[in-house]
Protein backbone atom coordinates (compact mmCIF):
# COMPACT_ATOMS: atom_id res chain seq x y z
CA MET A 1 -29.68 11.74 -21.52
CA ASN A 2 -26.29 13.03 -22.63
CA LYS A 3 -23.35 10.69 -22.57
CA ARG A 4 -19.70 11.44 -22.05
CA SER A 5 -17.09 10.14 -24.40
CA ALA A 6 -13.70 10.09 -22.77
CA ALA A 7 -10.09 9.03 -22.92
CA PHE A 8 -7.67 8.97 -20.05
CA ILE A 9 -4.04 8.48 -19.19
CA LEU A 10 -2.59 7.51 -15.84
CA ILE A 11 -0.06 10.17 -14.89
CA GLY A 12 0.70 9.33 -11.30
CA LEU A 13 0.00 6.95 -8.48
CA PHE A 14 -3.14 8.70 -7.35
CA THR A 15 -3.96 11.02 -10.26
CA VAL A 16 -5.90 10.49 -13.47
CA THR A 17 -6.56 12.93 -16.30
CA PHE A 18 -9.87 12.61 -18.10
CA ALA A 19 -10.95 14.45 -21.25
CA ALA A 20 -14.73 14.37 -21.20
CA SER A 21 -17.45 15.68 -23.48
CA ALA A 22 -19.52 18.19 -21.57
CA GLN A 23 -22.51 17.83 -23.88
CA GLY A 24 -23.82 15.20 -26.27
CA GLY A 25 -23.50 15.90 -29.99
CA ARG A 26 -21.85 19.06 -31.25
CA GLY A 27 -21.15 21.63 -28.62
CA GLY A 28 -20.52 25.31 -29.01
CA GLY A 29 -17.41 27.21 -28.17
CA ALA A 30 -13.87 25.92 -28.57
CA GLN A 31 -13.31 22.39 -29.83
CA GLY A 32 -11.02 20.03 -27.95
CA GLY A 33 -10.12 19.94 -24.30
CA CYS A 34 -8.70 23.43 -23.67
CA ARG A 35 -11.05 26.37 -23.91
CA SER A 36 -10.62 29.55 -25.90
CA THR A 37 -11.54 32.94 -24.49
CA GLY A 38 -14.25 35.33 -25.55
CA SER A 39 -16.87 32.75 -26.50
CA THR A 40 -20.49 33.02 -25.43
CA ARG A 41 -20.72 29.23 -25.14
CA ALA A 42 -18.76 26.79 -23.04
CA PRO A 43 -16.34 24.43 -24.80
CA SER A 44 -17.65 21.03 -25.84
CA GLN A 45 -15.03 19.26 -23.72
CA LYS A 46 -13.24 19.64 -20.43
CA GLU A 47 -9.80 18.27 -19.62
CA LEU A 48 -9.85 17.36 -15.94
CA ILE A 49 -7.41 15.90 -13.45
CA TYR A 50 -8.77 13.67 -10.68
CA VAL A 51 -6.61 13.50 -7.54
CA SER A 52 -7.48 10.89 -4.91
CA LEU A 53 -6.75 11.82 -1.29
CA PRO A 54 -5.14 11.12 1.08
CA GLY A 55 -2.21 9.50 -0.70
CA THR A 56 0.88 10.74 1.06
CA LEU A 57 3.47 9.13 3.27
CA GLU A 58 4.74 12.57 4.27
CA GLY A 59 3.10 14.59 7.01
CA SER A 60 -0.47 14.26 8.24
CA TRP A 61 -2.82 11.90 6.39
CA ASP A 62 -5.63 14.43 6.50
CA GLN A 63 -3.70 17.62 5.73
CA ASN A 64 -5.50 17.96 2.37
CA GLY A 65 -8.70 16.23 3.40
CA SER A 66 -10.14 13.17 1.67
CA GLY A 67 -12.11 12.46 -1.48
CA ILE A 68 -11.40 13.04 -5.17
CA VAL A 69 -10.26 16.58 -5.97
CA VAL A 70 -11.02 17.68 -9.54
CA LEU A 71 -8.71 20.21 -11.21
CA ASP A 72 -9.03 22.01 -14.57
CA ALA A 73 -5.94 21.18 -16.63
CA CYS A 74 -6.70 23.99 -19.10
CA ASN A 75 -7.12 26.74 -16.52
CA ASN A 76 -3.91 26.73 -14.51
CA TYR A 77 -5.03 23.57 -12.71
CA SER A 78 -7.70 25.53 -10.88
CA PHE A 79 -9.94 23.79 -8.36
CA VAL A 80 -13.26 22.59 -9.82
CA LYS A 81 -14.79 20.52 -7.04
CA ARG A 82 -14.24 17.75 -4.51
CA ILE A 83 -16.13 14.49 -5.03
CA PRO A 84 -16.88 12.82 -1.67
CA THR A 85 -15.68 9.23 -1.33
CA TRP A 86 -15.96 7.82 2.18
CA ASP A 87 -17.43 9.77 5.08
CA VAL A 88 -14.78 9.68 7.79
CA PRO A 89 -15.54 11.10 11.26
CA ALA A 90 -13.20 13.89 12.38
CA SER A 91 -12.11 11.71 15.28
CA ARG A 92 -10.64 9.07 12.91
CA TRP A 93 -7.85 9.07 10.36
CA PRO A 94 -8.94 8.45 6.75
CA GLU A 95 -7.68 5.36 4.96
CA GLN A 96 -4.57 5.93 2.89
CA VAL A 97 -5.20 5.82 -0.86
CA ALA A 98 -2.93 3.19 -2.41
CA GLY A 99 -3.88 3.56 -6.07
CA VAL A 100 -6.38 4.82 -8.63
CA THR A 101 -7.41 3.98 -12.18
CA ALA A 102 -10.24 4.93 -14.56
CA SER A 103 -11.91 3.54 -17.67
CA PRO A 104 -13.61 5.08 -20.71
CA ALA A 105 -15.36 1.72 -21.22
CA THR A 106 -17.12 1.75 -17.83
CA GLN A 107 -17.07 5.55 -17.27
CA MET A 108 -15.91 4.89 -13.72
CA ILE A 109 -12.98 5.86 -11.54
CA TYR A 110 -11.67 3.26 -9.07
CA VAL A 111 -10.01 4.20 -5.78
CA ALA A 112 -8.03 1.65 -3.78
CA THR A 113 -7.25 2.21 -0.11
CA ARG A 114 -5.53 0.02 2.43
CA GLY A 115 -8.79 -1.64 3.38
CA ARG A 116 -11.19 -1.52 0.42
CA LEU A 117 -11.80 -0.77 -3.24
CA GLY A 118 -14.54 1.55 -4.48
CA ALA A 119 -15.95 2.67 -7.84
CA TRP A 120 -17.54 6.02 -8.73
CA ASP A 121 -19.56 6.79 -11.86
CA LEU A 122 -17.95 9.78 -13.58
CA THR A 123 -21.21 10.87 -15.19
CA THR A 124 -23.11 11.10 -11.88
CA GLU A 125 -20.14 11.23 -9.46
CA LYS A 126 -21.97 8.77 -7.23
CA LYS A 127 -20.47 5.65 -5.68
CA VAL A 128 -21.48 2.50 -7.58
CA TRP A 129 -19.94 -0.15 -5.34
CA GLU A 130 -17.30 -0.90 -2.75
CA ASN A 131 -15.77 -4.14 -1.52
CA ALA A 132 -13.31 -5.09 1.20
CA TYR A 133 -13.01 -8.69 -0.10
CA ASP A 134 -11.20 -10.75 2.54
CA GLY A 135 -9.94 -7.72 4.45
CA GLN A 136 -6.47 -7.83 2.88
CA CYS A 137 -6.86 -5.32 0.03
CA CYS A 138 -5.91 -3.11 -1.78
CA GLU A 139 -3.01 -1.80 -3.88
CA ARG A 140 -2.61 -0.22 -7.34
CA PRO A 141 -5.62 -1.27 -9.48
CA GLN A 142 -5.31 -1.60 -13.26
CA ILE A 143 -8.32 -2.10 -15.56
CA SER A 144 -8.33 -3.85 -18.94
CA PRO A 145 -8.85 -1.72 -22.08
CA ASP A 146 -12.30 -3.23 -22.66
CA GLY A 147 -13.36 -2.71 -19.04
CA LYS A 148 -14.15 -6.39 -18.48
CA PHE A 149 -11.74 -7.12 -15.64
CA MET A 150 -9.40 -5.40 -13.23
CA TYR A 151 -6.30 -6.55 -11.38
CA VAL A 152 -5.71 -5.08 -7.93
CA GLY A 153 -3.00 -5.95 -5.46
CA SER A 154 -3.56 -7.22 -1.96
CA ASP A 155 -2.25 -5.02 0.85
CA LEU A 156 1.41 -6.00 0.58
CA LYS A 157 0.63 -9.74 0.57
CA ASP A 158 1.57 -12.35 -2.07
CA PHE A 159 -1.48 -12.26 -4.32
CA TRP A 160 -3.51 -10.05 -6.66
CA TYR A 161 -7.30 -9.93 -6.92
CA VAL A 162 -9.07 -10.18 -10.29
CA VAL A 163 -12.29 -8.17 -10.09
CA ASN A 164 -15.36 -7.38 -12.20
CA PRO A 165 -15.06 -3.57 -12.63
CA ARG A 166 -18.81 -3.02 -13.11
CA THR A 167 -19.96 -4.84 -9.97
CA GLY A 168 -16.88 -5.22 -7.76
CA GLU A 169 -17.41 -8.98 -7.64
CA LEU A 170 -14.28 -11.07 -7.04
CA ILE A 171 -13.51 -13.27 -10.05
CA THR A 172 -10.42 -15.02 -8.70
CA LYS A 173 -6.99 -14.47 -7.14
CA VAL A 174 -3.59 -14.81 -8.76
CA VAL A 175 -1.09 -16.07 -6.19
CA SER A 176 2.57 -15.15 -6.62
CA PRO A 177 4.51 -16.78 -3.77
CA LEU A 178 7.86 -15.37 -4.90
CA SER A 179 6.51 -11.82 -5.11
CA ARG A 180 5.56 -11.11 -1.53
CA GLY A 181 4.55 -7.54 -0.77
CA SER A 182 2.32 -6.81 -3.79
CA HIS A 183 2.75 -3.20 -4.83
CA ASN A 184 3.10 -1.82 -8.37
CA LEU A 185 1.23 -3.29 -11.33
CA ASN A 186 0.90 -2.82 -15.09
CA LEU A 187 -1.30 -4.52 -17.67
CA SER A 188 -0.19 -4.86 -21.26
CA LEU A 189 -1.97 -2.56 -23.70
CA ASP A 190 -3.88 -5.50 -25.19
CA GLY A 191 -4.93 -6.68 -21.72
CA LYS A 192 -3.39 -10.13 -22.16
CA THR A 193 -0.51 -9.94 -19.67
CA ALA A 194 -0.19 -8.70 -16.09
CA PHE A 195 3.17 -7.54 -14.75
CA MET A 196 2.91 -7.77 -10.96
CA SER A 197 5.65 -6.04 -9.04
CA PRO A 198 6.06 -6.43 -5.27
CA ASN A 199 8.04 -4.41 -2.80
CA ASN A 200 10.82 -6.97 -3.14
CA LYS A 201 13.17 -8.31 -5.84
CA VAL A 202 10.94 -10.68 -7.85
CA MET A 203 8.45 -9.51 -10.49
CA THR A 204 5.77 -12.02 -11.46
CA ILE A 205 4.23 -12.11 -14.95
CA SER A 206 0.79 -13.63 -15.38
CA GLU A 207 -1.18 -14.64 -18.45
CA VAL A 208 -4.54 -12.96 -17.98
CA LYS A 209 -6.66 -15.53 -19.86
CA SER A 210 -5.52 -18.51 -17.78
CA ARG A 211 -4.73 -16.45 -14.62
CA LYS A 212 -1.51 -18.47 -14.41
CA VAL A 213 1.99 -17.31 -13.61
CA ILE A 214 4.16 -17.69 -16.71
CA LYS A 215 7.42 -16.06 -15.60
CA THR A 216 9.25 -14.55 -12.65
CA ILE A 217 12.13 -12.10 -13.00
CA ARG A 218 14.62 -11.48 -10.20
CA PHE A 219 16.03 -7.94 -9.90
CA PRO A 220 19.22 -6.87 -8.09
CA ASP A 221 17.18 -4.98 -5.47
CA ASN A 222 13.55 -4.10 -4.68
CA VAL A 223 11.51 -3.20 -7.76
CA ARG A 224 9.98 0.27 -7.71
CA VAL A 225 7.99 2.16 -10.36
CA PHE A 226 8.11 0.57 -13.82
CA VAL A 227 6.58 1.12 -17.26
CA LEU A 228 6.04 -1.00 -20.39
CA ASN A 229 6.57 -0.22 -24.05
CA LYS A 230 3.58 -0.28 -26.41
CA ASP A 231 3.67 -4.03 -27.14
CA SER A 232 4.90 -5.04 -23.66
CA THR A 233 8.07 -6.64 -24.95
CA ARG A 234 10.19 -4.33 -22.83
CA VAL A 235 10.10 -3.17 -19.21
CA TYR A 236 11.84 -0.10 -17.82
CA ALA A 237 12.08 -0.36 -14.03
CA ASN A 238 13.52 1.66 -11.19
CA ASN A 239 15.40 -0.29 -8.56
CA ASN A 240 16.34 0.55 -5.00
CA ASN A 241 19.94 1.76 -4.58
CA PHE A 242 20.36 2.30 -8.33
CA LEU A 243 20.48 5.71 -9.99
CA GLY A 244 18.76 5.22 -13.33
CA PHE A 245 16.60 2.36 -14.59
CA LEU A 246 16.91 -1.23 -15.73
CA ARG A 247 15.67 -2.47 -19.12
CA ILE A 248 14.27 -5.98 -19.45
CA ASP A 249 13.38 -7.43 -22.87
CA PHE A 250 10.52 -9.90 -23.36
CA ILE A 251 10.68 -10.62 -27.07
CA TRP A 252 9.64 -14.20 -26.31
CA ILE A 253 6.20 -13.22 -24.96
CA ILE A 254 3.80 -13.94 -27.84
CA PHE A 255 0.09 -14.69 -27.33
């Protein structure tokens, strides 16, 4: 059975790019993700973009349907296929997608909606598991580099779930009473620190190993999208009612 080797980068709230080997071993045709023309064999890799739907706050929730739409990044973002997620009757609105992440370690893509979290195997495109936990999930999942755990926010509450990415089993919860309205989330590149950002002014920082809160940072206004530098000693964050971004240094964080 052929295996896919892959690397990914999160490029949006509900979009993941995935460069995957189409065949095991050495393939024919062009090397790398983007294909050349005129070859009698397909390239050994494909560079794909996975878009989870519906994920909009504008217009109708089902205007683009539901599921995971796969686009070819090397062919003018042409449509490849739609992977079914949840079967929603036409008489009902689909659940809004609140986040997505993927992992080369598990070869799965994880879709969070306001109601449940599900995992799909990218080699078979079949659902592996889903879980609604206590009925208060889910927001913005982030998986560790080794694929051993995943943080996922509650649905705008004051805690984050810690989950086994292979089974969906709940490991524990990290409660952040000052960060009500769990929303955006980033893990450090080494997987040791979780930066949990709510839809309010206080970001909570948690040590992953102990699952304990080690720091809270108060911002001038509600924290929006934020990113980390490579060693997670610096945060760049957007703030409501501020044109630009704020920079926060964490030189003191050493594990």
